[in-house]
Amino acid sequence: MPASCKTVPISLLVLITLAAHAQKNSAGTWLTDPARAVYFQKQETRIVFNKKETTGNPVITINEKETFQSIDGFGYALTGGSAMNLMKMSAGARTALLHELFGTGKNDIGTSYLRLSIGASDLNEYVFSYDDLPAGQTDTAMLHFDLGPDRLDIIPVLKEIVQINPSVKLMGSPWSPPVWMKTNGDTKGGNLLKEYYPAYAKYFVKYIQAMHNEGIRIDAVTVQNEPLHPGNNPSLQMFAPDQAAFVKNWLGPAFRAAHIDTKIIIYDHNADKPEYPISILDDPEAAKYIDGSAFHLYGGKIEALSQVHEAHPDKNLYFTEQWVGAPGNFMRDIKEHIHKLIIGATRNWAKTVIEWNLAADPFNKPHTDRGGCTSCLGGVTLNNDSVTRNPAYYIIAHAAKFVRPGSVRIASSSTEELPNTAFHTPGNKTVLIVLNNSILEKTFMISFKERTATTTLAAGAVATYTW
């Protein structure tokens, strides 16, 4: 008898069946416990679901039949500075790190979403736009448009990332238009001159087309990064009525005329002003071009996202920026960002969670002068080929590795001491992310489909459970 046709012993079949049954009725755990210096480590022991039982312990009940928003992804801002530091690495070290960040293998964290700056952000080495001209000159036809400095770092890094993960989604956000379009003629602050609204709409179109020609698809753009904060360098002030007029009369029609399906997302600032996006979405002629609104959390409460959802449930919500301040504090940062962003933002309808930013050097450089962030800690710190993984790396890992794009948030009961968020994935898996937000160790139960599993988390620890 050929070897391939040999009969498998019945005892082995029984063992295989039992192992499969155990796998089906148990959950894997990935744990971060900063107090014990445990950072996103897979636990050897799986937690087991048994017949439903009642104890005095808290219960997290999951109802997969109650569904909410789909997920686009979890990730970082890939600033020009991030890309510049990545390009300083040797080719082999950079490729290894990008695989770890964007791959979906056993030892990868599965980053699935990136936010880019359209032109420079304050975490570039210097300020530029794609249509800089000598003083007194203008270019309303965008004849001089060029991706310029991005060709040195952003574009080569993106091309390598897209090779690793072709489905990674990209969002572009401008910090400032070219200075010749602005009221103050400066990269910092000022407003967009109304006579240049059509030229600026063309600038967006040119950006999306130029990136497409490089093999890079921009899935979404926000109209302006932090439109109510003109203190960064670069930056632009843009009030809600002006943003509404720009989208309604120029940007939306320009995208339509150029057959561009890139999403238009408004606001892109703090959760303390939900009235800003609501007022724009209240205008049906502007709203018809708008996919949704984006938020940061340097002000306000994350629950404000639900306010916008309730006002306009047909529009999407995105969480697009939060920084970790250098030098970082694992216990504080992981607890705060998991609670407010990974759990809080997704429980308030966000389709993305994006940390600011992917990478910096040991001195938190580069950054611009006159208003660049001098203490923004990257998800990783890069010193040539040396890599240090910081809080934001692990914060994103807890969601990105398992909650793949296309996952849907499902209902889960939550308390202040055990905040959590749950998802059903395209691979037919359930994912639950739980934080122990108390000062004591907590034993609790997970209830799913008439079965329960018991587990314990130390104070300040976070776990991702998958089954």
Protein backbone atom coordinates (compact mmCIF):
# COMPACT_ATOMS: atom_id res chain seq x y z
CA MET A 1 0.00 0.00 0.00
CA PRO A 2 1.41 3.45 -0.88
CA ALA A 3 2.48 5.53 2.12
CA SER A 4 -0.10 8.16 1.26
CA CYS A 5 -2.89 5.61 1.66
CA LYS A 6 -1.92 4.27 5.08
CA THR A 7 -4.72 4.23 7.62
CA VAL A 8 -4.48 6.80 10.41
CA PRO A 9 -4.74 5.05 13.81
CA ILE A 10 -8.10 5.61 15.50
CA SER A 11 -6.36 6.86 18.67
CA LEU A 12 -4.68 9.61 16.63
CA LEU A 13 -8.00 10.57 15.05
CA VAL A 14 -9.52 10.87 18.51
CA LEU A 15 -6.67 13.10 19.65
CA ILE A 16 -7.03 15.32 16.57
CA THR A 17 -10.80 15.58 17.10
CA LEU A 18 -10.37 16.45 20.77
CA ALA A 19 -7.74 19.08 19.94
CA ALA A 20 -10.01 20.66 17.34
CA HIS A 21 -12.90 20.67 19.79
CA ALA A 22 -10.73 22.28 22.49
CA GLN A 23 -9.55 24.93 20.03
CA LYS A 24 -13.15 25.69 19.03
CA ASN A 25 -14.27 26.05 22.65
CA SER A 26 -11.40 28.16 23.89
CA ALA A 27 -9.81 31.53 23.26
CA GLY A 28 -6.25 32.62 22.71
CA THR A 29 -4.95 35.56 24.74
CA TRP A 30 -2.46 38.29 23.84
CA LEU A 31 -1.48 40.23 26.96
CA THR A 32 0.12 43.55 27.81
CA ASP A 33 0.84 44.02 31.52
CA PRO A 34 3.26 46.96 31.89
CA ALA A 35 3.70 46.37 35.63
CA ARG A 36 5.30 43.01 34.82
CA ALA A 37 7.05 44.25 31.63
CA VAL A 38 4.80 42.04 29.47
CA TYR A 39 4.18 43.67 26.11
CA PHE A 40 1.76 42.07 23.64
CA GLN A 41 2.77 38.50 24.41
CA LYS A 42 0.80 35.44 23.42
CA GLN A 43 -0.15 33.41 26.48
CA GLU A 44 0.53 29.68 26.51
CA THR A 45 -2.74 28.74 28.18
CA ARG A 46 -6.03 29.26 26.34
CA ILE A 47 -9.14 30.20 28.30
CA VAL A 48 -11.91 27.62 28.00
CA PHE A 49 -15.61 28.21 27.34
CA ASN A 50 -17.82 25.89 29.40
CA LYS A 51 -21.55 25.60 29.87
CA LYS A 52 -23.02 28.85 31.13
CA GLU A 53 -22.45 29.31 34.84
CA THR A 54 -23.14 32.01 37.40
CA THR A 55 -20.57 33.33 39.86
CA GLY A 56 -20.07 36.57 41.73
CA ASN A 57 -17.57 37.78 39.16
CA PRO A 58 -18.33 40.52 36.60
CA VAL A 59 -19.56 39.25 33.23
CA ILE A 60 -18.82 40.65 29.78
CA THR A 61 -21.70 39.48 27.60
CA ILE A 62 -21.15 39.45 23.83
CA ASN A 63 -24.07 39.57 21.42
CA GLU A 64 -22.88 39.01 17.86
CA LYS A 65 -26.38 39.61 16.50
CA GLU A 66 -26.23 43.30 17.46
CA THR A 67 -23.84 44.97 15.01
CA PHE A 68 -22.44 48.46 14.54
CA GLN A 69 -19.86 49.96 12.14
CA SER A 70 -17.42 48.11 9.92
CA ILE A 71 -13.70 48.73 10.47
CA ASP A 72 -11.32 50.21 7.90
CA GLY A 73 -8.19 49.69 9.97
CA PHE A 74 -5.80 50.61 12.76
CA GLY A 75 -2.47 52.32 12.25
CA TYR A 76 -0.30 55.40 12.31
CA ALA A 77 0.52 58.65 10.61
CA LEU A 78 3.33 58.02 8.15
CA THR A 79 4.81 61.51 8.32
CA GLY A 80 7.65 62.70 6.11
CA GLY A 81 9.83 62.49 9.20
CA SER A 82 8.81 58.86 9.78
CA ALA A 83 9.67 58.00 6.20
CA MET A 84 12.97 59.92 6.38
CA ASN A 85 14.05 57.87 9.41
CA LEU A 86 12.98 54.64 7.72
CA MET A 87 15.07 55.55 4.66
CA LYS A 88 18.13 55.95 6.92
CA MET A 89 17.95 52.25 7.77
CA SER A 90 19.79 49.65 5.74
CA ALA A 91 17.53 48.06 3.12
CA GLY A 92 17.40 44.72 4.94
CA ALA A 93 16.59 46.21 8.35
CA ARG A 94 13.91 48.47 6.88
CA THR A 95 12.25 45.61 5.01
CA ALA A 96 12.25 43.47 8.16
CA LEU A 97 10.64 46.25 10.20
CA LEU A 98 8.03 47.04 7.55
CA HIS A 99 7.10 43.35 7.37
CA GLU A 100 6.73 43.31 11.16
CA LEU A 101 4.57 46.43 11.07
CA PHE A 102 2.40 45.71 8.03
CA GLY A 103 2.56 41.97 7.50
CA THR A 104 0.02 39.46 8.74
CA GLY A 105 2.39 36.67 9.69
CA LYS A 106 2.91 35.07 13.09
CA ASN A 107 5.30 37.75 14.34
CA ASP A 108 3.72 40.75 12.58
CA ILE A 109 1.26 43.26 14.03
CA GLY A 110 -0.86 43.83 10.90
CA THR A 111 -1.01 47.65 10.65
CA SER A 112 -3.77 48.27 8.11
CA TYR A 113 -4.25 52.05 7.86
CA LEU A 114 -1.93 55.03 7.35
CA ARG A 115 -2.51 58.76 7.41
CA LEU A 116 -0.26 60.84 5.15
CA SER A 117 0.33 64.57 5.02
CA ILE A 118 -0.51 66.29 1.74
CA GLY A 119 2.65 68.35 1.53
CA ALA A 120 4.60 68.79 4.75
CA SER A 121 3.30 68.29 8.28
CA ASP A 122 5.00 69.69 11.38
CA LEU A 123 6.92 66.38 11.58
CA ASN A 124 8.83 67.03 8.38
CA GLU A 125 12.36 68.35 8.40
CA TYR A 126 11.19 71.54 6.68
CA VAL A 127 7.98 73.03 5.32
CA PHE A 128 6.95 72.61 1.68
CA SER A 129 3.89 72.30 -0.53
CA TYR A 130 3.61 70.70 -3.96
CA ASP A 131 3.38 74.08 -5.69
CA ASP A 132 5.83 76.47 -4.04
CA LEU A 133 6.59 79.59 -6.08
CA PRO A 134 8.67 82.76 -5.80
CA ALA A 135 6.91 85.58 -3.95
CA GLY A 136 4.27 87.28 -6.06
CA GLN A 137 3.67 84.37 -8.42
CA THR A 138 0.57 82.16 -8.66
CA ASP A 139 -0.29 78.93 -10.47
CA THR A 140 -4.04 78.46 -10.58
CA ALA A 141 -3.73 75.83 -13.33
CA MET A 142 -1.33 73.75 -11.17
CA LEU A 143 1.22 73.63 -14.00
CA HIS A 144 4.07 73.47 -11.50
CA PHE A 145 2.50 70.84 -9.22
CA ASP A 146 5.08 68.23 -8.17
CA LEU A 147 5.26 65.70 -5.34
CA GLY A 148 8.83 66.89 -4.92
CA PRO A 149 10.34 66.00 -1.52
CA ASP A 150 7.93 63.06 -1.07
CA ARG A 151 9.82 61.27 -3.84
CA LEU A 152 12.82 60.99 -1.52
CA ASP A 153 11.13 59.17 1.34
CA ILE A 154 7.31 58.92 1.51
CA ILE A 155 6.86 57.40 -1.94
CA PRO A 156 9.64 54.75 -1.76
CA VAL A 157 8.51 53.72 1.72
CA LEU A 158 4.87 53.52 0.62
CA LYS A 159 5.77 51.41 -2.38
CA GLU A 160 7.52 48.93 -0.11
CA ILE A 161 4.57 48.89 2.30
CA VAL A 162 2.09 48.30 -0.53
CA GLN A 163 4.17 45.33 -1.70
CA ILE A 164 3.91 43.83 1.78
CA ASN A 165 0.23 44.71 2.29
CA PRO A 166 -1.53 45.65 -0.96
CA SER A 167 -4.80 46.31 0.88
CA VAL A 168 -3.41 48.94 3.28
CA LYS A 169 -5.68 52.01 3.23
CA LEU A 170 -4.23 55.52 2.93
CA MET A 171 -5.69 58.83 4.05
CA GLY A 172 -4.20 62.17 3.01
CA SER A 173 -4.49 65.33 5.14
CA PRO A 174 -3.14 68.80 4.31
CA TRP A 175 -1.53 71.00 6.97
CA SER A 176 -1.39 74.04 4.67
CA PRO A 177 -2.00 74.98 1.03
CA PRO A 178 0.76 76.75 -0.91
CA VAL A 179 1.42 80.13 0.74
CA TRP A 180 0.36 82.06 -2.38
CA MET A 181 -3.20 80.88 -1.71
CA LYS A 182 -3.27 82.25 1.87
CA THR A 183 -4.32 85.52 3.47
CA ASN A 184 -1.03 85.91 5.37
CA GLY A 185 1.41 84.56 2.77
CA ASP A 186 2.93 82.31 5.47
CA THR A 187 3.10 78.56 6.01
CA LYS A 188 1.79 79.07 9.56
CA GLY A 189 -1.81 80.11 10.16
CA GLY A 190 -3.81 82.37 7.87
CA ASN A 191 -6.91 81.50 5.86
CA LEU A 192 -7.51 80.27 2.33
CA LEU A 193 -8.24 83.18 0.01
CA LYS A 194 -11.65 82.67 -1.58
CA GLU A 195 -10.34 83.42 -5.09
CA TYR A 196 -8.10 80.33 -4.74
CA TYR A 197 -10.82 77.85 -3.71
CA PRO A 198 -10.98 76.40 -7.25
CA ALA A 199 -7.17 76.20 -7.49
CA TYR A 200 -6.97 74.43 -4.13
CA ALA A 201 -9.60 71.91 -5.24
CA LYS A 202 -7.43 71.25 -8.30
CA TYR A 203 -4.45 70.79 -5.94
CA PHE A 204 -6.25 67.90 -4.24
CA VAL A 205 -7.12 66.35 -7.59
CA LYS A 206 -3.50 66.64 -8.75
CA TYR A 207 -2.28 64.99 -5.53
CA ILE A 208 -4.56 61.98 -5.89
CA GLN A 209 -3.71 61.60 -9.57
CA ALA A 210 0.04 61.97 -9.00
CA MET A 211 0.01 59.34 -6.25
CA HIS A 212 -2.07 57.06 -8.48
CA ASN A 213 0.61 57.42 -11.16
CA GLU A 214 3.11 56.14 -8.57
CA GLY A 215 0.94 53.08 -7.95
CA ILE A 216 -0.39 54.48 -4.66
CA ARG A 217 -4.16 54.75 -4.11
CA ILE A 218 -5.45 57.41 -1.73
CA ASP A 219 -8.61 56.00 -0.18
CA ALA A 220 -9.66 59.21 1.62
CA VAL A 221 -8.67 62.81 2.22
CA THR A 222 -9.55 65.16 5.02
CA VAL A 223 -10.11 68.75 3.97
CA GLN A 224 -7.80 70.26 6.61
CA ASN A 225 -5.80 69.01 9.56
CA GLU A 226 -6.88 70.79 12.75
CA PRO A 227 -8.68 73.71 11.08
CA LEU A 228 -9.16 75.48 14.41
CA HIS A 229 -5.46 75.36 15.39
CA PRO A 230 -3.37 77.80 13.33
CA GLY A 231 -0.35 77.50 15.63
CA ASN A 232 1.44 74.58 13.97
CA ASN A 233 3.98 75.08 11.23
CA PRO A 234 2.52 74.45 8.69
CA SER A 235 -1.16 75.12 9.45
CA LEU A 236 -4.31 76.80 8.15
CA GLN A 237 -7.37 78.18 9.88
CA MET A 238 -10.63 77.13 8.24
CA PHE A 239 -13.99 77.76 9.90
CA ALA A 240 -16.96 75.46 9.33
CA PRO A 241 -18.87 77.74 6.89
CA ASP A 242 -15.72 78.10 4.78
CA GLN A 243 -15.09 74.36 4.77
CA ALA A 244 -18.70 73.73 3.80
CA ALA A 245 -18.46 76.20 0.91
CA PHE A 246 -15.15 74.76 -0.28
CA VAL A 247 -16.50 71.19 -0.32
CA LYS A 248 -19.90 72.08 -1.77
CA ASN A 249 -18.80 74.44 -4.53
CA TRP A 250 -15.30 73.32 -5.41
CA LEU A 251 -13.76 70.15 -3.94
CA GLY A 252 -16.77 67.86 -4.39
CA PRO A 253 -17.50 68.99 -7.94
CA ALA A 254 -13.78 68.78 -8.84
CA PHE A 255 -13.63 65.16 -7.67
CA ARG A 256 -16.80 64.35 -9.57
CA ALA A 257 -15.53 65.98 -12.78
CA ALA A 258 -12.22 64.10 -12.54
CA HIS A 259 -14.02 60.77 -11.75
CA ILE A 260 -12.21 60.48 -8.42
CA ASP A 261 -13.79 58.14 -5.87
CA THR A 262 -11.48 59.10 -2.98
CA LYS A 263 -13.61 59.80 0.10
CA ILE A 264 -13.93 63.37 1.36
CA ILE A 265 -13.82 63.62 5.16
CA ILE A 266 -14.44 66.86 7.05
CA TYR A 267 -13.30 68.46 10.31
CA ASP A 268 -10.24 66.37 11.45
CA HIS A 269 -9.92 68.07 14.82
CA ASN A 270 -10.80 67.70 18.49
CA ALA A 271 -13.90 66.12 20.01
CA ASP A 272 -14.84 69.37 21.77
CA LYS A 273 -16.51 70.85 18.68
CA PRO A 274 -18.97 68.28 17.28
CA GLU A 275 -21.07 71.18 16.05
CA TYR A 276 -18.41 71.90 13.39
CA PRO A 277 -19.00 68.72 11.34
CA ILE A 278 -22.71 68.62 12.18
CA SER A 279 -23.21 72.12 10.76
CA ILE A 280 -21.55 71.09 7.48
CA LEU A 281 -23.48 67.83 7.23
CA ASP A 282 -26.70 69.76 7.84
CA ASP A 283 -26.16 71.30 4.40
CA PRO A 284 -27.44 68.65 1.95
CA GLU A 285 -25.56 70.21 -0.98
CA ALA A 286 -22.25 69.83 0.90
CA ALA A 287 -23.18 66.50 2.53
CA LYS A 288 -23.73 64.75 -0.80
CA TYR A 289 -19.97 64.87 -1.40
CA ILE A 290 -18.93 63.91 2.14
CA ASP A 291 -18.23 60.41 3.44
CA GLY A 292 -17.89 61.41 7.10
CA SER A 293 -16.02 63.28 9.84
CA ALA A 294 -12.63 62.82 11.52
CA PHE A 295 -11.62 63.49 15.12
CA HIS A 296 -8.63 63.97 17.43
CA LEU A 297 -8.80 63.89 21.23
CA TYR A 298 -6.63 66.73 22.54
CA GLY A 299 -9.88 68.32 23.70
CA GLY A 300 -13.40 67.10 24.45
CA LYS A 301 -14.66 63.58 25.13
CA ILE A 302 -14.69 60.61 22.80
CA GLU A 303 -18.46 60.27 23.25
CA ALA A 304 -18.86 63.36 21.04
CA LEU A 305 -18.39 61.07 18.03
CA SER A 306 -21.71 59.43 18.88
CA GLN A 307 -23.33 62.88 18.91
CA VAL A 308 -22.30 63.31 15.29
CA HIS A 309 -23.47 59.79 14.46
CA GLU A 310 -26.87 60.44 16.01
CA ALA A 311 -27.23 63.67 14.01
CA HIS A 312 -26.14 62.03 10.74
CA PRO A 313 -26.22 58.22 11.03
CA ASP A 314 -25.66 57.86 7.27
CA LYS A 315 -22.15 59.35 7.55
CA ASN A 316 -18.99 57.62 8.75
CA LEU A 317 -16.67 58.53 11.61
CA TYR A 318 -12.89 58.25 11.81
CA PHE A 319 -10.40 58.71 14.62
CA THR A 320 -7.31 60.13 12.96
CA GLU A 321 -4.80 61.40 15.52
CA GLN A 322 -3.54 61.18 19.08
CA TRP A 323 0.04 61.58 20.21
CA VAL A 324 2.13 59.89 22.91
CA GLY A 325 4.36 62.48 24.57
CA ALA A 326 8.05 61.67 24.88
CA PRO A 327 9.66 59.95 26.68
CA GLY A 328 6.49 57.90 27.11
CA ASN A 329 5.09 56.06 30.11
CA PHE A 330 3.97 52.53 29.33
CA MET A 331 1.60 52.15 32.26
CA ARG A 332 -0.15 55.48 31.68
CA ASP A 333 -0.07 55.61 27.88
CA ILE A 334 -1.27 52.08 27.17
CA LYS A 335 -4.09 52.32 29.71
CA GLU A 336 -5.22 55.75 28.47
CA HIS A 337 -5.03 55.06 24.74
CA ILE A 338 -6.60 51.59 24.91
CA HIS A 339 -9.43 53.01 27.04
CA LYS A 340 -10.14 56.18 25.07
CA LEU A 341 -9.17 55.16 21.55
CA ILE A 342 -9.09 51.42 20.81
CA ILE A 343 -12.14 50.89 23.02
CA GLY A 344 -13.65 54.38 23.30
CA ALA A 345 -13.40 55.47 19.66
CA THR A 346 -14.68 52.17 18.26
CA ARG A 347 -17.56 52.06 20.76
CA ASN A 348 -18.45 55.52 19.44
CA TRP A 349 -18.61 54.51 15.77
CA ALA A 350 -15.04 55.16 14.58
CA LYS A 351 -13.94 53.07 11.61
CA THR A 352 -10.25 53.82 12.23
CA VAL A 353 -7.87 54.51 15.09
CA ILE A 354 -4.64 56.24 14.05
CA GLU A 355 -1.72 57.05 16.36
CA TRP A 356 0.55 60.05 15.81
CA ASN A 357 3.06 59.05 14.48
CA LEU A 358 4.87 55.98 13.14
CA ALA A 359 8.55 56.78 13.74
CA ALA A 360 11.01 59.37 15.03
CA ASP A 361 14.69 59.40 15.96
CA PRO A 362 16.00 59.31 19.58
CA PHE A 363 15.60 63.11 19.77
CA ASN A 364 11.98 63.04 18.45
CA LYS A 365 13.17 64.52 15.19
CA PRO A 366 12.61 65.69 12.56
CA HIS A 367 10.15 68.51 13.13
CA THR A 368 9.68 71.95 11.63
CA ASP A 369 10.65 75.19 13.37
CA ARG A 370 8.13 77.80 14.56
CA GLY A 371 5.56 75.29 15.76
CA GLY A 372 6.63 71.73 14.98
CA CYS A 373 6.07 69.10 17.69
CA THR A 374 9.31 68.68 19.65
CA SER A 375 8.14 65.85 21.92
CA CYS A 376 6.01 63.54 19.75
CA LEU A 377 7.11 59.97 20.44
CA GLY A 378 6.92 57.64 17.46
CA GLY A 379 5.37 54.21 17.55
CA VAL A 380 8.97 53.15 17.06
CA THR A 381 12.18 55.06 17.74
CA LEU A 382 14.75 54.52 14.99
CA ASN A 383 18.48 55.04 15.43
CA ASN A 384 19.82 53.86 12.09
CA ASP A 385 19.03 50.10 12.23
CA SER A 386 18.23 50.05 15.95
CA VAL A 387 14.48 49.83 16.71
CA THR A 388 12.80 50.67 20.03
CA ARG A 389 9.11 49.78 20.27
CA ASN A 390 7.15 52.41 22.17
CA PRO A 391 3.62 52.49 23.68
CA ALA A 392 1.83 53.32 20.41
CA TYR A 393 3.34 50.22 18.77
CA TYR A 394 1.62 47.96 21.31
CA ILE A 395 -1.59 50.02 21.46
CA ILE A 396 -2.18 49.54 17.75
CA ALA A 397 -0.96 45.92 17.79
CA HIS A 398 -3.71 44.88 20.23
CA ALA A 399 -6.32 45.74 17.61
CA ALA A 400 -4.63 45.68 14.19
CA LYS A 401 -3.33 42.11 14.35
CA PHE A 402 -6.77 40.60 14.87
CA VAL A 403 -9.42 43.17 13.93
CA ARG A 404 -8.76 43.07 10.21
CA PRO A 405 -10.33 45.51 7.74
CA GLY A 406 -13.95 44.57 7.12
CA SER A 407 -14.47 43.42 10.70
CA VAL A 408 -17.72 44.59 12.30
CA ARG A 409 -18.07 45.78 15.84
CA ILE A 410 -20.56 43.72 17.82
CA ALA A 411 -22.30 44.41 21.11
CA SER A 412 -20.52 43.73 24.39
CA SER A 413 -21.49 44.81 27.89
CA SER A 414 -18.97 47.22 29.40
CA THR A 415 -18.25 48.84 32.76
CA GLU A 416 -15.89 51.59 33.92
CA GLU A 417 -13.64 48.99 35.57
CA LEU A 418 -13.65 46.58 32.61
CA PRO A 419 -14.11 48.66 29.43
CA ASN A 420 -14.02 46.55 26.28
CA THR A 421 -14.88 46.33 22.61
CA ALA A 422 -15.75 43.29 20.48
CA PHE A 423 -15.68 42.44 16.78
CA HIS A 424 -16.65 39.77 14.28
CA THR A 425 -13.95 39.40 11.65
CA PRO A 426 -14.11 38.49 7.94
CA GLY A 427 -12.41 35.22 8.92
CA ASN A 428 -15.43 34.36 11.11
CA LYS A 429 -13.52 34.95 14.35
CA THR A 430 -14.60 36.85 17.43
CA VAL A 431 -12.18 39.35 18.97
CA LEU A 432 -12.59 40.95 22.39
CA ILE A 433 -10.24 43.65 23.74
CA VAL A 434 -10.50 44.24 27.51
CA LEU A 435 -8.73 46.70 29.81
CA ASN A 436 -8.61 46.38 33.59
CA ASN A 437 -9.17 50.05 34.39
CA SER A 438 -9.23 49.50 38.16
CA ILE A 439 -6.46 49.53 40.77
CA LEU A 440 -7.01 45.87 41.68
CA GLU A 441 -6.65 42.56 39.87
CA LYS A 442 -9.97 41.53 38.32
CA THR A 443 -11.37 38.07 37.68
CA PHE A 444 -14.25 38.19 35.22
CA MET A 445 -16.27 36.04 32.86
CA ILE A 446 -16.80 36.26 29.11
CA SER A 447 -20.26 35.09 28.04
CA PHE A 448 -20.72 34.05 24.40
CA LYS A 449 -23.42 31.85 22.85
CA GLU A 450 -24.61 30.34 26.13
CA ARG A 451 -21.07 29.50 27.25
CA THR A 452 -18.75 31.30 29.64
CA ALA A 453 -15.01 31.52 30.13
CA THR A 454 -13.27 32.84 33.23
CA THR A 455 -10.07 34.85 33.16
CA THR A 456 -8.08 37.35 35.23
CA LEU A 457 -6.36 40.63 34.41
CA ALA A 458 -3.94 42.55 36.61
CA ALA A 459 -4.62 46.22 37.30
CA GLY A 460 -3.74 48.30 34.23
CA ALA A 461 -3.35 45.25 31.99
CA VAL A 462 -5.01 44.82 28.58
CA ALA A 463 -5.77 41.60 26.75
CA THR A 464 -7.00 40.70 23.30
CA TYR A 465 -8.97 37.45 23.27
CA THR A 466 -9.60 35.64 19.98
CA TRP A 467 -11.71 32.58 19.19
